[in-house]
Amino acid sequence: MGVCCAFAGHRYDRPVRSVELSQLVKKLTADIGFDACGIARAEPIGRADYVHDWLAAGRAGTMHYLRRHVQQRLDPQALLEGARSIIVVALLYHPSSPDPEAKDSRPRGRVARYAWGDDYHKVIKKKLFALADRLRADLSEPFDSKACVDTAPLLEREVAAAAGIGWIGKNTMVLNRRLGSYFFLGALVTTLELQPDEPVDDHCGTCTACLDACPTGAFPAPYEMDASRCISYLTIEHRDDIPQEFHEKMGDWIFGCDVCQEVCPFNRHAPTTDEPAFAIRSPGPNPALDDILSWSIEDYRSELRGSAMKRAKLPMLQRNAQIAQKNANRAPDHPERVRVAEPE
């Protein structure tokens, strides 16, 4: 496929090859503020059997929505008719500013890093829409596209690995040797014919730090996760009472969990984000538990306006805070910290 386009201030009057279009895409994604970009073919993922088996084994827990639109999740062409390519982007979210010190000694909960700033869905979608607009301004031929950020029926980690953003690690996160794993993924499925990138090698080696550190044993084997045992699932996705067997293991986590990422050697020197929207905002990384337990629905809406933490409803957050408070009452004065592994 060839289209006429303006690239780096020059307008082509000849058909442009897919490799040149791919260069344009990567320049635009960098200009817009993404930290990495890769391109994959819009074709069925290679691990369809694993996905079917994972769902059949009940490892999605009560996330029944994952059982809907399975064909679209397995084949991006079912998402967008005529899709040929997927532009996959990564955006760092770990803030560069230090965690603020607590001003009092009240028991506090922990929030996963990805929810310290503004809701990433809106931030990334805005950038993906900007990318599509920039491409339409530069290309003479029309094309279709669909922006996907987490909520669309697309297996982002699978397409990110296919696009060379990183490899799927033993903790099932996408890992990048330069960026670590503290980044969001987004995708623009498009009818444009682009030059795909090659997948990268797996660099986990013999390291099992993430598997060993998981408090609830959510990894039955390397590269496999039982989401029904994951603290992130239990605190964010699970609507019912949390099984008693997980209470003490949840520690002070009230929204998400970062343990398997905290011990990953590729996050030891990972860069921080320059995105202003991901600066630390209220209620912060360590909200006071009694504050959350006293929230009214108006407090909840006010405190979490524009935050990804609104994924968990108020009764869920208060349920989590109650468990964390019980754990704080039984915790030692100096809890043992997880050990970060060294890269191999």
C-alpha atoms as a PDB file:
ATOM      1  CA  MET A   1       0.000   0.000   0.000  1.00  0.00           C
ATOM      2  CA  GLY A   2       1.221   3.486  -0.749  1.00  0.00           C
ATOM      3  CA  VAL A   3      -0.220   6.868   0.207  1.00  0.00           C
ATOM      4  CA  CYS A   4       0.973  10.429  -0.214  1.00  0.00           C
ATOM      5  CA  CYS A   5       1.975  12.112   3.008  1.00  0.00           C
ATOM      6  CA  ALA A   6       3.857  14.977   4.581  1.00  0.00           C
ATOM      7  CA  PHE A   7       6.758  13.635   6.649  1.00  0.00           C
ATOM      8  CA  ALA A   8       9.130  15.840   8.643  1.00  0.00           C
ATOM      9  CA  GLY A   9       7.842  18.929   6.892  1.00  0.00           C
ATOM     10  CA  HIS A  10       8.067  17.459   3.384  1.00  0.00           C
ATOM     11  CA  ARG A  11       5.038  16.406   1.362  1.00  0.00           C
ATOM     12  CA  TYR A  12       5.491  13.325  -0.766  1.00  0.00           C
ATOM     13  CA  ASP A  13       3.999  13.358  -4.264  1.00  0.00           C
ATOM     14  CA  ARG A  14       4.670   9.663  -4.714  1.00  0.00           C
ATOM     15  CA  PRO A  15       3.258   6.595  -3.015  1.00  0.00           C
ATOM     16  CA  VAL A  16       4.884   6.023   0.365  1.00  0.00           C
ATOM     17  CA  ARG A  17       5.950   2.558   1.362  1.00  0.00           C
ATOM     18  CA  SER A  18       4.756   0.951   4.620  1.00  0.00           C
ATOM     19  CA  VAL A  19       8.217   1.321   6.145  1.00  0.00           C
ATOM     20  CA  GLU A  20       8.108   5.096   5.626  1.00  0.00           C
ATOM     21  CA  LEU A  21       4.610   5.271   7.083  1.00  0.00           C
ATOM     22  CA  SER A  22       5.866   3.355  10.101  1.00  0.00           C
ATOM     23  CA  GLN A  23       8.655   5.886  10.556  1.00  0.00           C
ATOM     24  CA  LEU A  24       6.056   8.647  10.436  1.00  0.00           C
ATOM     25  CA  VAL A  25       3.929   6.872  13.038  1.00  0.00           C
ATOM     26  CA  LYS A  26       6.865   6.515  15.421  1.00  0.00           C
ATOM     27  CA  LYS A  27       7.885  10.138  14.996  1.00  0.00           C
ATOM     28  CA  LEU A  28       4.336  11.281  15.737  1.00  0.00           C
ATOM     29  CA  THR A  29       3.954   9.051  18.802  1.00  0.00           C
ATOM     30  CA  ALA A  30       7.192  10.471  20.218  1.00  0.00           C
ATOM     31  CA  ASP A  31       6.041  14.019  19.480  1.00  0.00           C
ATOM     32  CA  ILE A  32       2.730  13.360  21.233  1.00  0.00           C
ATOM     33  CA  GLY A  33       4.547  12.127  24.331  1.00  0.00           C
ATOM     34  CA  PHE A  34       4.470   8.334  24.271  1.00  0.00           C
ATOM     35  CA  ASP A  35       7.549   6.594  25.674  1.00  0.00           C
ATOM     36  CA  ALA A  36       7.627   3.674  23.221  1.00  0.00           C
ATOM     37  CA  CYS A  37       5.872   2.570  20.054  1.00  0.00           C
ATOM     38  CA  GLY A  38       5.717  -0.717  18.211  1.00  0.00           C
ATOM     39  CA  ILE A  39       3.656  -2.017  15.314  1.00  0.00           C
ATOM     40  CA  ALA A  40       1.989  -5.415  14.956  1.00  0.00           C
ATOM     41  CA  ARG A  41      -0.044  -7.002  12.206  1.00  0.00           C
ATOM     42  CA  ALA A  42      -3.790  -7.074  12.847  1.00  0.00           C
ATOM     43  CA  GLU A  43      -4.010 -10.832  12.913  1.00  0.00           C
ATOM     44  CA  PRO A  44      -5.267 -13.456  15.379  1.00  0.00           C
ATOM     45  CA  ILE A  45      -3.096 -13.773  18.467  1.00  0.00           C
ATOM     46  CA  GLY A  46      -0.890 -16.810  18.769  1.00  0.00           C
ATOM     47  CA  ARG A  47      -2.102 -17.984  22.198  1.00  0.00           C
ATOM     48  CA  ALA A  48      -5.827 -18.453  21.598  1.00  0.00           C
ATOM     49  CA  ASP A  49      -5.784 -21.926  23.199  1.00  0.00           C
ATOM     50  CA  TYR A  50      -4.197 -20.498  26.354  1.00  0.00           C
ATOM     51  CA  VAL A  51      -6.901 -17.826  26.613  1.00  0.00           C
ATOM     52  CA  HIS A  52      -9.690 -20.382  26.210  1.00  0.00           C
ATOM     53  CA  ASP A  53      -8.074 -22.684  28.783  1.00  0.00           C
ATOM     54  CA  TRP A  54      -7.508 -19.764  31.196  1.00  0.00           C
ATOM     55  CA  LEU A  55     -11.169 -18.792  31.057  1.00  0.00           C
ATOM     56  CA  ALA A  56     -12.353 -22.402  31.317  1.00  0.00           C
ATOM     57  CA  ALA A  57     -10.226 -22.922  34.437  1.00  0.00           C
ATOM     58  CA  GLY A  58     -12.019 -20.055  36.181  1.00  0.00           C
ATOM     59  CA  ARG A  59      -8.880 -17.943  36.508  1.00  0.00           C
ATOM     60  CA  ALA A  60     -10.813 -14.817  35.552  1.00  0.00           C
ATOM     61  CA  GLY A  61     -12.696 -15.064  38.847  1.00  0.00           C
ATOM     62  CA  THR A  62     -15.851 -12.942  38.767  1.00  0.00           C
ATOM     63  CA  MET A  63     -14.659 -10.835  35.808  1.00  0.00           C
ATOM     64  CA  HIS A  64     -17.453 -12.198  33.665  1.00  0.00           C
ATOM     65  CA  TYR A  65     -16.978  -9.447  31.080  1.00  0.00           C
ATOM     66  CA  LEU A  66     -13.811 -11.228  29.939  1.00  0.00           C
ATOM     67  CA  ARG A  67     -15.990 -14.068  28.693  1.00  0.00           C
ATOM     68  CA  ARG A  68     -17.839 -11.692  26.374  1.00  0.00           C
ATOM     69  CA  HIS A  69     -16.563 -10.739  22.919  1.00  0.00           C
ATOM     70  CA  VAL A  70     -13.912 -13.468  23.104  1.00  0.00           C
ATOM     71  CA  GLN A  71     -13.589 -13.619  19.313  1.00  0.00           C
ATOM     72  CA  GLN A  72     -12.832  -9.893  19.189  1.00  0.00           C
ATOM     73  CA  ARG A  73     -10.192 -10.351  21.880  1.00  0.00           C
ATOM     74  CA  LEU A  74      -8.540 -13.093  19.858  1.00  0.00           C
ATOM     75  CA  ASP A  75      -8.778 -11.436  16.435  1.00  0.00           C
ATOM     76  CA  PRO A  76      -8.321  -7.634  16.114  1.00  0.00           C
ATOM     77  CA  GLN A  77      -9.954  -7.738  12.686  1.00  0.00           C
ATOM     78  CA  ALA A  78     -13.212  -8.462  14.489  1.00  0.00           C
ATOM     79  CA  LEU A  79     -12.775  -5.087  16.211  1.00  0.00           C
ATOM     80  CA  LEU A  80     -12.355  -3.091  13.018  1.00  0.00           C
ATOM     81  CA  GLU A  81     -13.346  -4.237   9.565  1.00  0.00           C
ATOM     82  CA  GLY A  82     -10.396  -4.178   7.193  1.00  0.00           C
ATOM     83  CA  ALA A  83      -7.840  -3.754   9.996  1.00  0.00           C
ATOM     84  CA  ARG A  84      -4.276  -4.385   8.827  1.00  0.00           C
ATOM     85  CA  SER A  85      -2.039  -2.967  11.548  1.00  0.00           C
ATOM     86  CA  ILE A  86      -2.007  -2.200  15.266  1.00  0.00           C
ATOM     87  CA  ILE A  87       0.007   0.735  16.562  1.00  0.00           C
ATOM     88  CA  VAL A  88       0.897  -0.110  20.167  1.00  0.00           C
ATOM     89  CA  VAL A  89       2.155   2.600  22.509  1.00  0.00           C
ATOM     90  CA  ALA A  90       3.556   2.681  26.044  1.00  0.00           C
ATOM     91  CA  LEU A  91       3.305   5.562  28.503  1.00  0.00           C
ATOM     92  CA  LEU A  92       5.269   5.576  31.759  1.00  0.00           C
ATOM     93  CA  TYR A  93       3.300   6.299  34.919  1.00  0.00           C
ATOM     94  CA  HIS A  94       5.741   6.170  37.844  1.00  0.00           C
ATOM     95  CA  PRO A  95       6.098   9.797  39.051  1.00  0.00           C
ATOM     96  CA  SER A  96       9.530  11.331  39.542  1.00  0.00           C
ATOM     97  CA  SER A  97       8.569  13.134  42.755  1.00  0.00           C
ATOM     98  CA  PRO A  98       9.126  11.191  45.985  1.00  0.00           C
ATOM     99  CA  ASP A  99       6.238   9.709  47.909  1.00  0.00           C
ATOM    100  CA  PRO A 100       4.984  12.347  50.355  1.00  0.00           C
ATOM    101  CA  GLU A 101       5.620  11.599  54.010  1.00  0.00           C
ATOM    102  CA  ALA A 102       2.575  10.915  56.175  1.00  0.00           C
ATOM    103  CA  LYS A 103       1.862  13.792  58.562  1.00  0.00           C
ATOM    104  CA  ASP A 104       0.597  11.555  61.352  1.00  0.00           C
ATOM    105  CA  SER A 105       0.897   7.997  62.613  1.00  0.00           C
ATOM    106  CA  ARG A 106      -2.587   6.834  61.659  1.00  0.00           C
ATOM    107  CA  PRO A 107      -2.760   3.429  59.926  1.00  0.00           C
ATOM    108  CA  ARG A 108      -2.575   3.892  56.180  1.00  0.00           C
ATOM    109  CA  GLY A 109      -3.346   1.827  53.139  1.00  0.00           C
ATOM    110  CA  ARG A 110      -1.344   1.411  49.948  1.00  0.00           C
ATOM    111  CA  VAL A 111      -2.470   2.275  46.438  1.00  0.00           C
ATOM    112  CA  ALA A 112      -0.852   0.792  43.324  1.00  0.00           C
ATOM    113  CA  ARG A 113       1.362   3.283  41.488  1.00  0.00           C
ATOM    114  CA  TYR A 114      -0.780   3.379  38.375  1.00  0.00           C
ATOM    115  CA  ALA A 115      -3.585   5.089  40.326  1.00  0.00           C
ATOM    116  CA  TRP A 116      -1.520   7.826  42.009  1.00  0.00           C
ATOM    117  CA  GLY A 117      -2.318  10.331  39.253  1.00  0.00           C
ATOM    118  CA  ASP A 118      -5.252  11.042  36.944  1.00  0.00           C
ATOM    119  CA  ASP A 119      -7.235   8.317  35.213  1.00  0.00           C
ATOM    120  CA  TYR A 120      -4.997   6.901  32.484  1.00  0.00           C
ATOM    121  CA  HIS A 121      -7.896   5.943  30.218  1.00  0.00           C
ATOM    122  CA  LYS A 122      -8.648   9.570  29.389  1.00  0.00           C
ATOM    123  CA  VAL A 123      -4.974  10.571  29.148  1.00  0.00           C
ATOM    124  CA  ILE A 124      -4.013   7.817  26.702  1.00  0.00           C
ATOM    125  CA  LYS A 125      -7.195   8.012  24.619  1.00  0.00           C
ATOM    126  CA  LYS A 126      -6.663  11.738  24.138  1.00  0.00           C
ATOM    127  CA  LYS A 127      -3.147  11.043  22.866  1.00  0.00           C
ATOM    128  CA  LEU A 128      -4.350   8.216  20.577  1.00  0.00           C
ATOM    129  CA  PHE A 129      -7.030  10.487  19.110  1.00  0.00           C
ATOM    130  CA  ALA A 130      -4.336  13.112  18.559  1.00  0.00           C
ATOM    131  CA  LEU A 131      -2.231  10.502  16.749  1.00  0.00           C
ATOM    132  CA  ALA A 132      -5.114   9.571  14.457  1.00  0.00           C
ATOM    133  CA  ASP A 133      -5.809  13.256  13.753  1.00  0.00           C
ATOM    134  CA  ARG A 134      -2.145  13.932  12.939  1.00  0.00           C
ATOM    135  CA  LEU A 135      -2.061  10.970  10.574  1.00  0.00           C
ATOM    136  CA  ARG A 136      -5.234  12.091   8.821  1.00  0.00           C
ATOM    137  CA  ALA A 137      -3.740  15.564   8.410  1.00  0.00           C
ATOM    138  CA  ASP A 138      -0.591  14.100   6.824  1.00  0.00           C
ATOM    139  CA  LEU A 139      -2.053  11.324   4.662  1.00  0.00           C
ATOM    140  CA  SER A 140      -3.908  11.964   1.433  1.00  0.00           C
ATOM    141  CA  GLU A 141      -5.899   8.710   1.484  1.00  0.00           C
ATOM    142  CA  PRO A 142      -8.594   7.978   4.067  1.00  0.00           C
ATOM    143  CA  PHE A 143      -8.229   5.228   6.654  1.00  0.00           C
ATOM    144  CA  ASP A 144     -10.211   3.894   9.580  1.00  0.00           C
ATOM    145  CA  SER A 145      -8.934   3.476  13.121  1.00  0.00           C
ATOM    146  CA  LYS A 146     -10.111   2.485  16.579  1.00  0.00           C
ATOM    147  CA  ALA A 147      -8.433   3.623  19.794  1.00  0.00           C
ATOM    148  CA  CYS A 148      -8.186   0.981  22.516  1.00  0.00           C
ATOM    149  CA  VAL A 149      -7.238   1.585  26.144  1.00  0.00           C
ATOM    150  CA  ASP A 150      -7.852  -1.303  28.508  1.00  0.00           C
ATOM    151  CA  THR A 151     -11.657  -1.343  28.287  1.00  0.00           C
ATOM    152  CA  ALA A 152     -11.864  -2.376  24.611  1.00  0.00           C
ATOM    153  CA  PRO A 153     -11.977  -6.120  23.834  1.00  0.00           C
ATOM    154  CA  LEU A 154      -8.317  -6.263  22.817  1.00  0.00           C
ATOM    155  CA  LEU A 155      -5.593  -8.292  24.532  1.00  0.00           C
ATOM    156  CA  GLU A 156      -3.139  -5.398  24.832  1.00  0.00           C
ATOM    157  CA  ARG A 157      -0.316  -7.421  26.361  1.00  0.00           C
ATOM    158  CA  GLU A 158      -0.432  -9.958  23.548  1.00  0.00           C
ATOM    159  CA  VAL A 159      -0.318  -7.315  20.813  1.00  0.00           C
ATOM    160  CA  ALA A 160       2.331  -5.340  22.727  1.00  0.00           C
ATOM    161  CA  ALA A 161       4.564  -8.411  22.741  1.00  0.00           C
ATOM    162  CA  ALA A 162       3.875  -8.987  19.041  1.00  0.00           C
ATOM    163  CA  ALA A 163       4.772  -5.338  18.368  1.00  0.00           C
ATOM    164  CA  GLY A 164       8.119  -5.587  20.158  1.00  0.00           C
ATOM    165  CA  ILE A 165       7.207  -3.237  23.028  1.00  0.00           C
ATOM    166  CA  GLY A 166       8.555  -5.911  25.363  1.00  0.00           C
ATOM    167  CA  TRP A 167       8.090  -9.523  26.335  1.00  0.00           C
ATOM    168  CA  ILE A 168       5.432 -11.023  28.598  1.00  0.00           C
ATOM    169  CA  GLY A 169       7.301 -11.807  31.800  1.00  0.00           C
ATOM    170  CA  LYS A 170       6.806 -14.540  34.354  1.00  0.00           C
ATOM    171  CA  ASN A 171       4.418 -12.235  36.236  1.00  0.00           C
ATOM    172  CA  THR A 172       2.398 -11.862  32.980  1.00  0.00           C
ATOM    173  CA  MET A 173       3.288  -8.146  32.758  1.00  0.00           C
ATOM    174  CA  VAL A 174       4.912  -6.699  29.643  1.00  0.00           C
ATOM    175  CA  LEU A 175       8.571  -6.027  30.495  1.00  0.00           C
ATOM    176  CA  ASN A 176      10.900  -3.706  28.639  1.00  0.00           C
ATOM    177  CA  ARG A 177      14.647  -3.656  29.348  1.00  0.00           C
ATOM    178  CA  ARG A 178      14.742   0.147  29.215  1.00  0.00           C
ATOM    179  CA  LEU A 179      11.336   1.058  30.649  1.00  0.00           C
ATOM    180  CA  GLY A 180      10.777  -1.736  33.155  1.00  0.00           C
ATOM    181  CA  SER A 181       7.055  -2.415  33.571  1.00  0.00           C
ATOM    182  CA  TYR A 182       5.583   0.720  35.138  1.00  0.00           C
ATOM    183  CA  PHE A 183       3.858   1.790  31.941  1.00  0.00           C
ATOM    184  CA  PHE A 184       0.378   1.811  30.448  1.00  0.00           C
ATOM    185  CA  LEU A 185      -0.434   0.311  27.085  1.00  0.00           C
ATOM    186  CA  GLY A 186      -2.647   1.743  24.388  1.00  0.00           C
ATOM    187  CA  ALA A 187      -3.379   0.682  20.830  1.00  0.00           C
ATOM    188  CA  LEU A 188      -4.674   2.177  17.620  1.00  0.00           C
ATOM    189  CA  VAL A 189      -6.121  -0.515  15.369  1.00  0.00           C
ATOM    190  CA  THR A 190      -6.043   0.780  11.820  1.00  0.00           C
ATOM    191  CA  THR A 191      -6.638  -0.114   8.196  1.00  0.00           C
ATOM    192  CA  LEU A 192      -3.249   1.386   7.307  1.00  0.00           C
ATOM    193  CA  GLU A 193      -0.652  -1.045   5.982  1.00  0.00           C
ATOM    194  CA  LEU A 194       2.389  -0.514   8.222  1.00  0.00           C
ATOM    195  CA  GLN A 195       5.724  -2.274   8.564  1.00  0.00           C
ATOM    196  CA  PRO A 196       5.468  -4.534  11.644  1.00  0.00           C
ATOM    197  CA  ASP A 197       8.188  -4.722  14.270  1.00  0.00           C
ATOM    198  CA  GLU A 198       9.806  -7.936  15.416  1.00  0.00           C
ATOM    199  CA  PRO A 199       9.046  -9.368  18.880  1.00  0.00           C
ATOM    200  CA  VAL A 200      11.894  -9.099  21.399  1.00  0.00           C
ATOM    201  CA  ASP A 201      13.549 -11.927  23.288  1.00  0.00           C
ATOM    202  CA  ASP A 202      12.483 -12.968  26.774  1.00  0.00           C
ATOM    203  CA  HIS A 203      15.038 -11.721  29.316  1.00  0.00           C
ATOM    204  CA  CYS A 204      13.536 -13.143  32.512  1.00  0.00           C
ATOM    205  CA  GLY A 205      16.137 -15.912  32.542  1.00  0.00           C
ATOM    206  CA  THR A 206      16.116 -18.001  35.711  1.00  0.00           C
ATOM    207  CA  CYS A 207      14.785 -15.147  37.888  1.00  0.00           C
ATOM    208  CA  THR A 208      11.692 -16.044  39.923  1.00  0.00           C
ATOM    209  CA  ALA A 209      11.563 -12.970  42.175  1.00  0.00           C
ATOM    210  CA  CYS A 210       8.018 -12.039  41.135  1.00  0.00           C
ATOM    211  CA  LEU A 211       6.707 -15.569  41.624  1.00  0.00           C
ATOM    212  CA  ASP A 212       8.353 -15.920  45.032  1.00  0.00           C
ATOM    213  CA  ALA A 213       7.187 -12.527  46.316  1.00  0.00           C
ATOM    214  CA  CYS A 214       3.479 -12.764  45.461  1.00  0.00           C
ATOM    215  CA  PRO A 215       1.692 -12.733  48.853  1.00  0.00           C
ATOM    216  CA  THR A 216      -1.305 -14.767  47.696  1.00  0.00           C
ATOM    217  CA  GLY A 217       0.370 -17.269  45.364  1.00  0.00           C
ATOM    218  CA  ALA A 218      -1.387 -15.908  42.288  1.00  0.00           C
ATOM    219  CA  PHE A 219       1.138 -17.510  39.905  1.00  0.00           C
ATOM    220  CA  PRO A 220       0.498 -21.258  39.574  1.00  0.00           C
ATOM    221  CA  ALA A 221       3.433 -21.421  37.146  1.00  0.00           C
ATOM    222  CA  PRO A 222       5.771 -18.981  35.399  1.00  0.00           C
ATOM    223  CA  TYR A 223       3.932 -16.892  32.792  1.00  0.00           C
ATOM    224  CA  GLU A 224       0.546 -17.877  34.243  1.00  0.00           C
ATOM    225  CA  MET A 225      -1.677 -15.893  36.589  1.00  0.00           C
ATOM    226  CA  ASP A 226      -4.723 -17.001  38.534  1.00  0.00           C
ATOM    227  CA  ALA A 227      -6.439 -13.612  38.675  1.00  0.00           C
ATOM    228  CA  SER A 228      -8.889 -14.876  41.293  1.00  0.00           C
ATOM    229  CA  ARG A 229      -5.978 -14.938  43.778  1.00  0.00           C
ATOM    230  CA  CYS A 230      -4.402 -11.613  42.771  1.00  0.00           C
ATOM    231  CA  ILE A 231      -4.617  -8.714  45.243  1.00  0.00           C
ATOM    232  CA  SER A 232      -5.279  -6.302  42.385  1.00  0.00           C
ATOM    233  CA  TYR A 233      -8.276  -8.367  41.340  1.00  0.00           C
ATOM    234  CA  LEU A 234      -9.512  -8.819  44.908  1.00  0.00           C
ATOM    235  CA  THR A 235      -9.349  -5.100  45.742  1.00  0.00           C
ATOM    236  CA  ILE A 236     -10.552  -3.670  42.413  1.00  0.00           C
ATOM    237  CA  GLU A 237     -12.574  -6.178  40.397  1.00  0.00           C
ATOM    238  CA  HIS A 238     -14.107  -8.516  42.982  1.00  0.00           C
ATOM    239  CA  ARG A 239     -17.452  -7.077  44.085  1.00  0.00           C
ATOM    240  CA  ASP A 240     -18.348  -9.581  46.819  1.00  0.00           C
ATOM    241  CA  ASP A 241     -16.785 -10.354  50.190  1.00  0.00           C
ATOM    242  CA  ILE A 242     -13.099 -11.233  49.936  1.00  0.00           C
ATOM    243  CA  PRO A 243     -12.412 -14.809  51.056  1.00  0.00           C
ATOM    244  CA  GLN A 244     -10.946 -14.957  54.558  1.00  0.00           C
ATOM    245  CA  GLU A 245      -7.874 -16.848  53.370  1.00  0.00           C
ATOM    246  CA  PHE A 246      -6.611 -13.702  51.617  1.00  0.00           C
ATOM    247  CA  HIS A 247      -7.228 -11.114  54.342  1.00  0.00           C
ATOM    248  CA  GLU A 248      -3.916 -11.255  56.171  1.00  0.00           C
ATOM    249  CA  LYS A 249      -1.986 -11.749  52.929  1.00  0.00           C
ATOM    250  CA  MET A 250      -3.406  -8.504  51.542  1.00  0.00           C
ATOM    251  CA  GLY A 251      -1.412  -6.502  54.099  1.00  0.00           C
ATOM    252  CA  ASP A 252      -2.093  -2.789  53.663  1.00  0.00           C
ATOM    253  CA  TRP A 253      -3.079  -2.888  49.989  1.00  0.00           C
ATOM    254  CA  ILE A 254      -6.456  -1.210  49.490  1.00  0.00           C
ATOM    255  CA  PHE A 255      -6.357  -0.603  45.718  1.00  0.00           C
ATOM    256  CA  GLY A 256      -4.244  -2.817  43.513  1.00  0.00           C
ATOM    257  CA  CYS A 257      -0.829  -4.280  44.267  1.00  0.00           C
ATOM    258  CA  ASP A 258       2.707  -3.629  42.996  1.00  0.00           C
ATOM    259  CA  VAL A 259       4.629  -6.424  44.724  1.00  0.00           C
ATOM    260  CA  CYS A 260       5.523  -8.443  41.623  1.00  0.00           C
ATOM    261  CA  GLN A 261       6.710  -5.249  39.923  1.00  0.00           C
ATOM    262  CA  GLU A 262       8.564  -3.892  42.953  1.00  0.00           C
ATOM    263  CA  VAL A 263      10.835  -6.950  43.064  1.00  0.00           C
ATOM    264  CA  CYS A 264      11.434  -7.090  39.303  1.00  0.00           C
ATOM    265  CA  PRO A 265      15.080  -6.258  38.519  1.00  0.00           C
ATOM    266  CA  PHE A 266      14.060  -4.371  35.380  1.00  0.00           C
ATOM    267  CA  ASN A 267      12.279  -1.805  37.546  1.00  0.00           C
ATOM    268  CA  ARG A 268      15.313  -1.101  39.719  1.00  0.00           C
ATOM    269  CA  HIS A 269      16.525   1.742  37.486  1.00  0.00           C
ATOM    270  CA  ALA A 270      13.437   2.246  35.323  1.00  0.00           C
ATOM    271  CA  PRO A 271      12.789   5.833  34.197  1.00  0.00           C
ATOM    272  CA  THR A 272       9.995   7.945  35.631  1.00  0.00           C
ATOM    273  CA  THR A 273       7.201   9.699  33.791  1.00  0.00           C
ATOM    274  CA  ASP A 274       7.195  13.230  32.405  1.00  0.00           C
ATOM    275  CA  GLU A 275       3.410  13.207  32.000  1.00  0.00           C
ATOM    276  CA  PRO A 276       1.908  15.963  34.196  1.00  0.00           C
ATOM    277  CA  ALA A 277      -1.388  14.092  34.485  1.00  0.00           C
ATOM    278  CA  PHE A 278       0.359  11.325  36.425  1.00  0.00           C
ATOM    279  CA  ALA A 279       1.736  13.575  39.164  1.00  0.00           C
ATOM    280  CA  ILE A 280       0.709  12.407  42.642  1.00  0.00           C
ATOM    281  CA  ARG A 281      -2.747  13.677  43.559  1.00  0.00           C
ATOM    282  CA  SER A 282      -5.219  13.146  46.390  1.00  0.00           C
ATOM    283  CA  PRO A 283      -5.746  10.725  48.057  1.00  0.00           C
ATOM    284  CA  GLY A 284      -2.111   9.793  47.290  1.00  0.00           C
ATOM    285  CA  PRO A 285      -0.138   6.568  47.618  1.00  0.00           C
ATOM    286  CA  ASN A 286      -0.958   6.034  51.318  1.00  0.00           C
ATOM    287  CA  PRO A 287      -4.402   7.339  52.305  1.00  0.00           C
ATOM    288  CA  ALA A 288      -5.393   7.165  55.958  1.00  0.00           C
ATOM    289  CA  LEU A 289      -7.666   4.205  56.512  1.00  0.00           C
ATOM    290  CA  ASP A 290     -10.018   5.997  58.890  1.00  0.00           C
ATOM    291  CA  ASP A 291     -10.512   8.730  56.297  1.00  0.00           C
ATOM    292  CA  ILE A 292     -11.725   6.196  53.738  1.00  0.00           C
ATOM    293  CA  LEU A 293     -13.883   4.406  56.311  1.00  0.00           C
ATOM    294  CA  SER A 294     -15.612   7.697  57.112  1.00  0.00           C
ATOM    295  CA  TRP A 295     -16.203   8.752  53.490  1.00  0.00           C
ATOM    296  CA  SER A 296     -19.744   9.485  52.402  1.00  0.00           C
ATOM    297  CA  ILE A 297     -20.705   8.939  48.785  1.00  0.00           C
ATOM    298  CA  GLU A 298     -20.173  12.685  48.256  1.00  0.00           C
ATOM    299  CA  ASP A 299     -16.671  12.444  49.767  1.00  0.00           C
ATOM    300  CA  TYR A 300     -15.895   9.470  47.523  1.00  0.00           C
ATOM    301  CA  ARG A 301     -16.973  11.321  44.390  1.00  0.00           C
ATOM    302  CA  SER A 302     -15.118  14.485  45.358  1.00  0.00           C
ATOM    303  CA  GLU A 303     -11.850  12.803  46.381  1.00  0.00           C
ATOM    304  CA  LEU A 304     -11.701  10.450  43.404  1.00  0.00           C
ATOM    305  CA  ARG A 305     -13.014  12.702  40.658  1.00  0.00           C
ATOM    306  CA  GLY A 306     -10.810  12.025  37.638  1.00  0.00           C
ATOM    307  CA  SER A 307      -8.984   9.137  39.353  1.00  0.00           C
ATOM    308  CA  ALA A 308      -8.655   5.523  38.200  1.00  0.00           C
ATOM    309  CA  MET A 309      -9.510   4.547  41.779  1.00  0.00           C
ATOM    310  CA  LYS A 310     -13.176   5.070  40.935  1.00  0.00           C
ATOM    311  CA  ARG A 311     -13.019   1.628  39.343  1.00  0.00           C
ATOM    312  CA  ALA A 312     -13.638   0.380  42.896  1.00  0.00           C
ATOM    313  CA  LYS A 313     -16.963   1.486  44.330  1.00  0.00           C
ATOM    314  CA  LEU A 314     -17.114   3.059  47.787  1.00  0.00           C
ATOM    315  CA  PRO A 315     -18.319  -0.129  49.562  1.00  0.00           C
ATOM    316  CA  MET A 316     -15.396  -2.013  48.005  1.00  0.00           C
ATOM    317  CA  LEU A 317     -12.823   0.566  49.115  1.00  0.00           C
ATOM    318  CA  GLN A 318     -14.245   0.539  52.631  1.00  0.00           C
ATOM    319  CA  ARG A 319     -14.214  -3.261  52.621  1.00  0.00           C
ATOM    320  CA  ASN A 320     -10.543  -3.159  51.645  1.00  0.00           C
ATOM    321  CA  ALA A 321      -9.773  -0.504  54.267  1.00  0.00           C
ATOM    322  CA  GLN A 322     -11.396  -2.600  56.992  1.00  0.00           C
ATOM    323  CA  ILE A 323      -9.151  -5.544  56.098  1.00  0.00           C
ATOM    324  CA  ALA A 324      -6.057  -3.308  55.997  1.00  0.00           C
ATOM    325  CA  GLN A 325      -6.964  -1.845  59.382  1.00  0.00           C
ATOM    326  CA  LYS A 326      -7.209  -5.295  60.936  1.00  0.00           C
ATOM    327  CA  ASN A 327      -3.848  -6.169  59.427  1.00  0.00           C
ATOM    328  CA  ALA A 328      -2.337  -2.945  60.792  1.00  0.00           C
ATOM    329  CA  ASN A 329      -3.454  -3.908  64.282  1.00  0.00           C
ATOM    330  CA  ARG A 330      -1.641  -7.234  64.043  1.00  0.00           C
ATOM    331  CA  ALA A 331       1.392  -6.088  62.017  1.00  0.00           C
ATOM    332  CA  PRO A 332       4.897  -5.851  63.578  1.00  0.00           C
ATOM    333  CA  ASP A 333       6.458  -2.432  64.072  1.00  0.00           C
ATOM    334  CA  HIS A 334       9.011  -3.065  61.320  1.00  0.00           C
ATOM    335  CA  PRO A 335       7.514  -5.233  58.571  1.00  0.00           C
ATOM    336  CA  GLU A 336       9.962  -7.070  56.385  1.00  0.00           C
ATOM    337  CA  ARG A 337      10.401  -5.487  52.968  1.00  0.00           C
ATOM    338  CA  VAL A 338      10.503  -7.526  49.792  1.00  0.00           C
ATOM    339  CA  ARG A 339      13.932  -7.957  48.243  1.00  0.00           C
ATOM    340  CA  VAL A 340      14.541  -6.652  44.734  1.00  0.00           C
ATOM    341  CA  ALA A 341      16.329  -9.096  42.478  1.00  0.00           C
ATOM    342  CA  GLU A 342      19.334  -8.200  40.347  1.00  0.00           C
ATOM    343  CA  PRO A 343      19.082  -8.427  36.538  1.00  0.00           C
ATOM    344  CA  GLU A 344      20.677 -11.527  35.086  1.00  0.00           C
END
